[in-house]
Amino acid sequence: MNHLYVYYKLRDAQRPQALAPARRVLEAGRAWSRRVALLARPASEGGVATWMEVYEGVEDMAGLEAALAAAVDKSGLAGFLLAPRRSEIFAELPADAAALDG
């Protein structure tokens, strides 16, 4: 099963205004994921906050990524981003360590 992690930076002062658009993006991804979460680093650096969206149990990654791209534009979240959103995909390791050999 694959998991998608998307992180981005925004101005710390804009966190209250960015929260609703970020939650709308998260909701757009809910149909593609078994579990979703919105996280933030505990402390900002130089007035810049880092947020992360988590999408666990994704079977159709291309569908999810397309839905999220559309939601970022539609929700207004794009206006808060200081740089492009970055994403990373991780896959669960098998429970059996022997499955990792060869």
N, C-alpha and C. Protein backbone atom coordinates (compact mmCIF):
# COMPACT_ATOMS: atom_id res chain seq x y z
N MET A 1 0.85 -1.18 0.00
CA MET A 1 0.00 0.00 0.00
C MET A 1 0.90 1.24 0.00
N ASN A 2 0.51 2.24 -0.76
CA ASN A 2 1.30 3.46 -0.87
C ASN A 2 0.72 4.58 -0.03
N HIS A 3 1.62 5.46 0.37
CA HIS A 3 1.24 6.64 1.16
C HIS A 3 1.86 7.86 0.49
N LEU A 4 1.11 8.95 0.45
CA LEU A 4 1.59 10.20 -0.14
C LEU A 4 1.75 11.23 0.97
N TYR A 5 2.90 11.89 0.98
CA TYR A 5 3.19 12.96 1.93
C TYR A 5 3.47 14.22 1.12
N VAL A 6 2.71 15.27 1.38
CA VAL A 6 2.85 16.53 0.65
C VAL A 6 3.15 17.62 1.67
N TYR A 7 4.25 18.33 1.45
CA TYR A 7 4.59 19.39 2.39
C TYR A 7 4.83 20.70 1.65
N TYR A 8 4.60 21.79 2.39
CA TYR A 8 4.72 23.12 1.80
C TYR A 8 4.94 24.15 2.89
N LYS A 9 5.39 25.33 2.46
CA LYS A 9 5.68 26.42 3.39
C LYS A 9 4.74 27.59 3.13
N LEU A 10 4.39 28.26 4.23
CA LEU A 10 3.55 29.44 4.16
C LEU A 10 3.96 30.38 5.29
N ARG A 11 3.55 31.62 5.16
CA ARG A 11 3.89 32.59 6.22
C ARG A 11 3.14 32.24 7.50
N ASP A 12 3.88 32.29 8.59
CA ASP A 12 3.31 31.95 9.89
C ASP A 12 2.08 32.83 10.19
N ALA A 13 2.15 34.09 9.82
CA ALA A 13 1.05 35.01 10.09
C ALA A 13 -0.22 34.66 9.31
N GLN A 14 -0.09 33.87 8.25
CA GLN A 14 -1.25 33.51 7.43
C GLN A 14 -1.84 32.16 7.79
N ARG A 15 -1.32 31.53 8.81
CA ARG A 15 -1.82 30.20 9.19
C ARG A 15 -3.32 30.18 9.44
N PRO A 16 -3.89 31.14 10.17
CA PRO A 16 -5.34 31.09 10.41
C PRO A 16 -6.16 31.16 9.12
N GLN A 17 -5.74 32.00 8.18
CA GLN A 17 -6.47 32.14 6.92
C GLN A 17 -6.27 30.94 6.00
N ALA A 18 -5.12 30.28 6.09
CA ALA A 18 -4.80 29.15 5.20
C ALA A 18 -5.42 27.84 5.67
N LEU A 19 -5.87 27.79 6.91
CA LEU A 19 -6.36 26.52 7.46
C LEU A 19 -7.59 25.98 6.72
N ALA A 20 -8.56 26.81 6.46
CA ALA A 20 -9.77 26.33 5.76
C ALA A 20 -9.46 25.83 4.35
N PRO A 21 -8.68 26.57 3.54
CA PRO A 21 -8.32 26.04 2.23
C PRO A 21 -7.53 24.73 2.32
N ALA A 22 -6.63 24.64 3.28
CA ALA A 22 -5.85 23.40 3.44
C ALA A 22 -6.75 22.23 3.79
N ARG A 23 -7.73 22.46 4.62
CA ARG A 23 -8.67 21.38 4.97
C ARG A 23 -9.54 20.98 3.77
N ARG A 24 -9.87 21.94 2.90
CA ARG A 24 -10.63 21.59 1.69
C ARG A 24 -9.80 20.70 0.76
N VAL A 25 -8.51 20.98 0.65
CA VAL A 25 -7.62 20.13 -0.15
C VAL A 25 -7.58 18.74 0.45
N LEU A 26 -7.43 18.67 1.75
CA LEU A 26 -7.39 17.38 2.45
C LEU A 26 -8.67 16.59 2.19
N GLU A 27 -9.80 17.25 2.24
CA GLU A 27 -11.08 16.57 1.99
C GLU A 27 -11.17 16.05 0.56
N ALA A 28 -10.57 16.78 -0.38
CA ALA A 28 -10.58 16.32 -1.78
C ALA A 28 -9.80 15.01 -1.92
N GLY A 29 -8.81 14.81 -1.07
CA GLY A 29 -8.02 13.59 -1.13
C GLY A 29 -8.60 12.43 -0.35
N ARG A 30 -9.60 12.71 0.47
CA ARG A 30 -10.17 11.67 1.33
C ARG A 30 -10.76 10.51 0.52
N ALA A 31 -11.36 10.79 -0.63
CA ALA A 31 -11.97 9.73 -1.44
C ALA A 31 -10.93 8.77 -2.02
N TRP A 32 -9.68 9.19 -2.05
CA TRP A 32 -8.61 8.39 -2.65
C TRP A 32 -7.75 7.69 -1.60
N SER A 33 -8.01 7.93 -0.34
CA SER A 33 -7.14 7.47 0.74
C SER A 33 -7.93 6.79 1.84
N ARG A 34 -7.28 5.91 2.55
CA ARG A 34 -7.92 5.28 3.71
C ARG A 34 -7.88 6.18 4.93
N ARG A 35 -6.85 7.03 5.00
CA ARG A 35 -6.70 7.93 6.15
C ARG A 35 -6.00 9.19 5.67
N VAL A 36 -6.46 10.34 6.14
CA VAL A 36 -5.82 11.61 5.81
C VAL A 36 -5.51 12.37 7.11
N ALA A 37 -4.51 13.24 7.04
CA ALA A 37 -4.17 14.06 8.20
C ALA A 37 -3.48 15.33 7.72
N LEU A 38 -3.65 16.40 8.47
CA LEU A 38 -2.95 17.66 8.23
C LEU A 38 -2.07 17.91 9.43
N LEU A 39 -0.77 18.03 9.19
CA LEU A 39 0.21 18.21 10.26
C LEU A 39 0.96 19.53 10.07
N ALA A 40 1.57 20.01 11.14
CA ALA A 40 2.42 21.20 11.07
C ALA A 40 3.64 20.98 11.95
N ARG A 41 4.75 21.55 11.52
CA ARG A 41 5.93 21.52 12.40
C ARG A 41 5.56 22.27 13.68
N PRO A 42 6.06 21.81 14.82
CA PRO A 42 5.69 22.44 16.09
C PRO A 42 6.13 23.90 16.20
N ALA A 43 7.18 24.28 15.49
CA ALA A 43 7.67 25.65 15.57
C ALA A 43 8.00 26.15 14.16
N SER A 44 7.73 27.42 13.93
CA SER A 44 8.08 28.00 12.64
C SER A 44 9.52 28.49 12.69
N GLU A 45 10.09 28.71 11.51
CA GLU A 45 11.47 29.20 11.41
C GLU A 45 11.45 30.50 10.63
N GLY A 46 11.84 31.58 11.28
CA GLY A 46 11.90 32.86 10.60
C GLY A 46 10.57 33.34 10.06
N GLY A 47 9.50 33.02 10.76
CA GLY A 47 8.18 33.45 10.34
C GLY A 47 7.56 32.60 9.25
N VAL A 48 8.19 31.43 8.98
CA VAL A 48 7.70 30.53 7.95
C VAL A 48 7.27 29.22 8.58
N ALA A 49 6.05 28.80 8.31
CA ALA A 49 5.51 27.55 8.84
C ALA A 49 5.60 26.47 7.77
N THR A 50 5.77 25.22 8.20
CA THR A 50 5.76 24.07 7.29
C THR A 50 4.59 23.18 7.67
N TRP A 51 3.75 22.90 6.69
CA TRP A 51 2.60 22.01 6.87
C TRP A 51 2.77 20.77 6.02
N MET A 52 2.16 19.68 6.45
CA MET A 52 2.22 18.43 5.70
C MET A 52 0.84 17.79 5.64
N GLU A 53 0.47 17.38 4.44
CA GLU A 53 -0.74 16.58 4.24
C GLU A 53 -0.30 15.12 4.13
N VAL A 54 -1.03 14.23 4.78
CA VAL A 54 -0.72 12.80 4.75
C VAL A 54 -1.93 12.07 4.17
N TYR A 55 -1.65 11.23 3.18
CA TYR A 55 -2.68 10.41 2.54
C TYR A 55 -2.21 8.96 2.60
N GLU A 56 -2.82 8.16 3.45
CA GLU A 56 -2.40 6.78 3.65
C GLU A 56 -3.34 5.82 2.93
N GLY A 57 -2.76 4.71 2.47
CA GLY A 57 -3.56 3.66 1.84
C GLY A 57 -4.08 4.05 0.47
N VAL A 58 -3.23 4.62 -0.34
CA VAL A 58 -3.62 5.10 -1.67
C VAL A 58 -3.40 3.99 -2.70
N GLU A 59 -4.44 3.68 -3.47
CA GLU A 59 -4.31 2.68 -4.53
C GLU A 59 -4.13 3.34 -5.90
N ASP A 60 -4.75 4.49 -6.12
CA ASP A 60 -4.65 5.20 -7.40
C ASP A 60 -3.92 6.52 -7.16
N MET A 61 -2.59 6.48 -7.20
CA MET A 61 -1.78 7.66 -6.90
C MET A 61 -2.00 8.76 -7.94
N ALA A 62 -2.09 8.40 -9.21
CA ALA A 62 -2.30 9.41 -10.25
C ALA A 62 -3.64 10.13 -10.06
N GLY A 63 -4.66 9.38 -9.70
CA GLY A 63 -5.97 9.98 -9.45
C GLY A 63 -5.93 10.94 -8.27
N LEU A 64 -5.25 10.52 -7.21
CA LEU A 64 -5.13 11.37 -6.02
C LEU A 64 -4.38 12.64 -6.36
N GLU A 65 -3.24 12.52 -7.03
CA GLU A 65 -2.44 13.70 -7.34
C GLU A 65 -3.21 14.68 -8.23
N ALA A 66 -3.99 14.18 -9.17
CA ALA A 66 -4.80 15.05 -10.03
C ALA A 66 -5.88 15.75 -9.21
N ALA A 67 -6.52 15.02 -8.31
CA ALA A 67 -7.56 15.61 -7.46
C ALA A 67 -6.98 16.69 -6.55
N LEU A 68 -5.80 16.45 -6.01
CA LEU A 68 -5.17 17.42 -5.13
C LEU A 68 -4.76 18.68 -5.89
N ALA A 69 -4.20 18.51 -7.08
CA ALA A 69 -3.79 19.67 -7.88
C ALA A 69 -4.99 20.57 -8.17
N ALA A 70 -6.11 19.97 -8.54
CA ALA A 70 -7.32 20.75 -8.80
C ALA A 70 -7.82 21.43 -7.53
N ALA A 71 -7.76 20.72 -6.41
CA ALA A 71 -8.25 21.27 -5.14
C ALA A 71 -7.40 22.42 -4.64
N VAL A 72 -6.09 22.36 -4.87
CA VAL A 72 -5.21 23.45 -4.44
C VAL A 72 -5.62 24.74 -5.14
N ASP A 73 -5.87 24.66 -6.44
CA ASP A 73 -6.29 25.85 -7.18
C ASP A 73 -7.69 26.31 -6.77
N LYS A 74 -8.62 25.39 -6.68
CA LYS A 74 -10.02 25.72 -6.38
C LYS A 74 -10.19 26.27 -4.96
N SER A 75 -9.44 25.73 -4.01
CA SER A 75 -9.59 26.11 -2.60
C SER A 75 -9.00 27.47 -2.26
N GLY A 76 -8.06 27.94 -3.09
CA GLY A 76 -7.36 29.17 -2.77
C GLY A 76 -6.07 28.95 -2.01
N LEU A 77 -5.73 27.70 -1.71
CA LEU A 77 -4.50 27.43 -0.96
C LEU A 77 -3.27 27.91 -1.72
N ALA A 78 -3.31 27.85 -3.04
CA ALA A 78 -2.15 28.25 -3.85
C ALA A 78 -1.68 29.67 -3.51
N GLY A 79 -2.59 30.55 -3.16
CA GLY A 79 -2.24 31.92 -2.83
C GLY A 79 -1.44 32.08 -1.55
N PHE A 80 -1.41 31.06 -0.72
CA PHE A 80 -0.66 31.12 0.54
C PHE A 80 0.72 30.48 0.44
N LEU A 81 0.99 29.74 -0.62
CA LEU A 81 2.24 28.98 -0.73
C LEU A 81 3.42 29.88 -1.05
N LEU A 82 4.51 29.69 -0.32
CA LEU A 82 5.74 30.44 -0.57
C LEU A 82 6.60 29.79 -1.64
N ALA A 83 6.36 28.53 -1.92
CA ALA A 83 7.11 27.76 -2.92
C ALA A 83 6.20 26.62 -3.36
N PRO A 84 6.54 25.94 -4.43
CA PRO A 84 5.71 24.81 -4.86
C PRO A 84 5.60 23.74 -3.77
N ARG A 85 4.46 23.07 -3.74
CA ARG A 85 4.26 21.94 -2.84
C ARG A 85 5.19 20.81 -3.28
N ARG A 86 5.70 20.09 -2.32
CA ARG A 86 6.58 18.95 -2.62
C ARG A 86 5.92 17.69 -2.10
N SER A 87 6.05 16.63 -2.88
CA SER A 87 5.42 15.37 -2.46
C SER A 87 6.41 14.22 -2.53
N GLU A 88 6.18 13.26 -1.67
CA GLU A 88 6.97 12.03 -1.64
C GLU A 88 6.03 10.87 -1.43
N ILE A 89 6.32 9.77 -2.12
CA ILE A 89 5.52 8.56 -2.03
C ILE A 89 6.34 7.50 -1.31
N PHE A 90 5.72 6.85 -0.34
CA PHE A 90 6.35 5.75 0.38
C PHE A 90 5.44 4.54 0.29
N ALA A 91 6.06 3.36 0.29
CA ALA A 91 5.31 2.10 0.27
C ALA A 91 5.60 1.35 1.56
N GLU A 92 4.60 0.63 2.05
CA GLU A 92 4.79 -0.16 3.26
C GLU A 92 5.74 -1.32 2.97
N LEU A 93 6.59 -1.61 3.92
CA LEU A 93 7.46 -2.77 3.82
C LEU A 93 6.69 -4.01 4.22
N PRO A 94 7.06 -5.16 3.65
CA PRO A 94 6.37 -6.40 4.05
C PRO A 94 6.67 -6.74 5.50
N ALA A 95 5.74 -7.41 6.13
CA ALA A 95 5.92 -7.82 7.53
C ALA A 95 7.02 -8.86 7.66
N ASP A 96 7.22 -9.65 6.61
CA ASP A 96 8.21 -10.72 6.62
C ASP A 96 9.54 -10.18 6.12
N ALA A 97 10.55 -10.14 6.97
CA ALA A 97 11.86 -9.63 6.58
C ALA A 97 12.47 -10.42 5.44
N ALA A 98 12.14 -11.70 5.33
CA ALA A 98 12.68 -12.53 4.25
C ALA A 98 12.20 -12.03 2.89
N ALA A 99 11.06 -11.37 2.85
CA ALA A 99 10.54 -10.86 1.58
C ALA A 99 11.40 -9.72 1.03
N LEU A 100 12.24 -9.13 1.87
CA LEU A 100 13.12 -8.06 1.42
C LEU A 100 14.34 -8.60 0.69
N ASP A 101 14.65 -9.86 0.84
CA ASP A 101 15.80 -10.47 0.17
C ASP A 101 15.43 -10.77 -1.27
N GLY A 102 16.26 -10.23 -2.18
CA GLY A 102 16.13 -10.54 -3.61
C GLY A 102 14.82 -10.27 -4.12
